[in-house]
Structure formats: C-alpha cells, structure tokens
C-alpha cells in the first residue's frame, strides 16, 4: 500500500513538473497556436471537444448535451467559433481558458 502511495506521489510530481516546464515555454494549447491553424489547430479542436466531454461527464452537467440552454452549441463547429472568438480577443490566453469559460456558461455557472 505504501509503495502505491509513493508511486502516485511521484507520478503526480512528474506531471506537475512537466506541466510547469511546458508553461514556461509557449504551450501547444496557447491561443496563438489556435489562430495559426494547421496541425496544431486540429489537435486543439480535438482537445476542446474532449475537454468539454470530460468536464460534462465528471460534473454530470446535462446542459452540455444537445438540449443545452438556448441551443447555442449544436455541433463541434459552434465550440470552435466560441474558442476562435475568445482567442482573437484574448490572444495571450490558453485555449483551456476559453473552453473552461464555455463550459461554465453552458453549465450556468457564469
């Protein structure tokens, strides 16, 4: 049992260190990469959809399903338009910030 706890701590620390190092440089998830287009944009589009799906599952938020409030998000392209608008206005942000903001709006947590 103690070995499992130590292993968990080590894995967590290594992930935190790699996360910190990635953010010391410009991370893949930076809005500038979204706006450039190309392969990085494609990866970020998949990331955005996966992030929303994961958050809605973890928090059991029903509004993220097709019957979301106001019907604003009906397809993946709607998510991409939201992130695109956010990144154009807030170029120094991370795509994660945009997607989390969208999640909060759809979940009614403004």
Protein backbone atom coordinates (compact mmCIF):
# COMPACT_ATOMS: atom_id res chain seq x y z
CA UNK A 1 0.00 0.00 0.00
CA UNK A 2 2.82 2.44 0.85
CA UNK A 3 4.55 1.71 -2.46
CA UNK A 4 1.36 2.59 -4.33
CA UNK A 5 1.12 5.90 -2.45
CA UNK A 6 4.75 6.74 -3.19
CA UNK A 7 4.25 5.83 -6.84
CA UNK A 8 1.16 8.05 -7.01
CA UNK A 9 3.06 10.95 -5.47
CA UNK A 10 5.99 10.50 -7.86
CA UNK A 11 3.75 10.33 -10.91
CA UNK A 12 1.86 13.42 -9.75
CA UNK A 13 5.08 15.34 -9.14
CA UNK A 14 6.49 14.40 -12.52
CA UNK A 15 3.28 15.51 -14.24
CA UNK A 16 3.33 18.80 -12.35
CA UNK A 17 6.96 19.39 -13.29
CA UNK A 18 6.34 18.68 -16.97
CA UNK A 19 3.24 20.88 -16.87
CA UNK A 20 5.26 23.72 -15.31
CA UNK A 21 8.04 23.30 -17.87
CA UNK A 22 5.57 23.29 -20.75
CA UNK A 23 4.03 26.51 -19.49
CA UNK A 24 7.43 28.14 -19.07
CA UNK A 25 7.65 27.89 -22.84
CA UNK A 26 4.67 28.57 -25.06
CA UNK A 27 2.44 25.52 -24.67
CA UNK A 28 0.66 23.82 -27.55
CA UNK A 29 -2.63 24.97 -26.03
CA UNK A 30 -1.75 28.67 -26.37
CA UNK A 31 -4.27 30.76 -28.33
CA UNK A 32 -1.60 31.77 -30.84
CA UNK A 33 -1.41 28.12 -31.94
CA UNK A 34 -5.19 28.02 -32.33
CA UNK A 35 -5.13 31.11 -34.53
CA UNK A 36 -2.23 29.87 -36.71
CA UNK A 37 -4.29 26.97 -37.99
CA UNK A 38 -2.72 23.84 -39.41
CA UNK A 39 -1.99 20.66 -37.49
CA UNK A 40 -1.78 22.41 -34.10
CA UNK A 41 -5.28 23.83 -34.63
CA UNK A 42 -6.62 20.37 -35.49
CA UNK A 43 -5.13 18.93 -32.30
CA UNK A 44 -6.61 21.81 -30.28
CA UNK A 45 -10.04 21.28 -31.83
CA UNK A 46 -10.00 17.65 -30.68
CA UNK A 47 -8.66 18.77 -27.30
CA UNK A 48 -11.52 21.27 -26.92
CA UNK A 49 -14.22 18.72 -27.67
CA UNK A 50 -12.59 16.16 -25.37
CA UNK A 51 -12.24 18.73 -22.60
CA UNK A 52 -15.93 19.64 -22.76
CA UNK A 53 -16.97 16.00 -22.90
CA UNK A 54 -14.76 15.12 -19.95
CA UNK A 55 -15.90 18.06 -17.84
CA UNK A 56 -19.56 17.37 -18.52
CA UNK A 57 -19.09 13.73 -17.54
CA UNK A 58 -17.11 14.49 -14.38
CA UNK A 59 -19.53 17.18 -13.19
CA UNK A 60 -22.63 15.45 -14.62
CA UNK A 61 -23.74 18.60 -16.40
CA UNK A 62 -26.73 17.77 -18.54
CA UNK A 63 -26.81 21.17 -20.29
CA UNK A 64 -23.82 20.25 -22.41
CA UNK A 65 -25.88 17.70 -24.23
CA UNK A 66 -27.73 18.82 -27.40
CA UNK A 67 -30.53 20.33 -25.32
CA UNK A 68 -28.20 22.96 -23.82
CA UNK A 69 -29.65 26.36 -22.85
CA UNK A 70 -30.53 28.44 -25.85
CA UNK A 71 -29.30 25.69 -28.15
CA UNK A 72 -26.07 27.63 -28.74
CA UNK A 73 -23.84 24.59 -29.05
CA UNK A 74 -25.33 22.18 -31.54
CA UNK A 75 -22.19 20.92 -33.23
CA UNK A 76 -18.42 20.97 -32.84
CA UNK A 77 -18.13 23.98 -35.15
CA UNK A 78 -20.03 26.05 -32.56
CA UNK A 79 -17.36 25.22 -29.99
CA UNK A 80 -14.64 26.16 -32.46
CA UNK A 81 -16.32 29.50 -33.21
CA UNK A 82 -16.50 30.27 -29.48
CA UNK A 83 -12.83 29.43 -28.92
CA UNK A 84 -11.82 31.33 -32.04
CA UNK A 85 -13.63 34.48 -30.88
CA UNK A 86 -12.10 34.16 -27.40
CA UNK A 87 -8.58 33.72 -28.77
CA UNK A 88 -8.91 36.68 -31.14
CA UNK A 89 -9.90 38.94 -28.24
CA UNK A 90 -7.58 37.37 -25.63
CA UNK A 91 -4.52 36.37 -27.66
CA UNK A 92 -2.36 35.79 -24.58
CA UNK A 93 -4.74 33.20 -23.13
CA UNK A 94 -4.63 29.46 -23.28
CA UNK A 95 -7.29 27.56 -25.25
CA UNK A 96 -8.13 25.79 -21.99
CA UNK A 97 -9.29 29.12 -20.55
CA UNK A 98 -11.68 29.61 -23.47
CA UNK A 99 -13.08 26.09 -23.27
CA UNK A 100 -13.46 26.27 -19.49
CA UNK A 101 -15.29 29.59 -19.87
CA UNK A 102 -17.63 27.98 -22.39
CA UNK A 103 -18.16 25.04 -20.05
CA UNK A 104 -19.09 27.39 -17.21
CA UNK A 105 -21.52 29.31 -19.41
CA UNK A 106 -23.20 26.14 -20.62
CA UNK A 107 -23.36 24.79 -17.09
CA UNK A 108 -24.94 28.03 -15.91
CA UNK A 109 -22.01 28.89 -13.61
CA UNK A 110 -21.04 32.24 -15.14
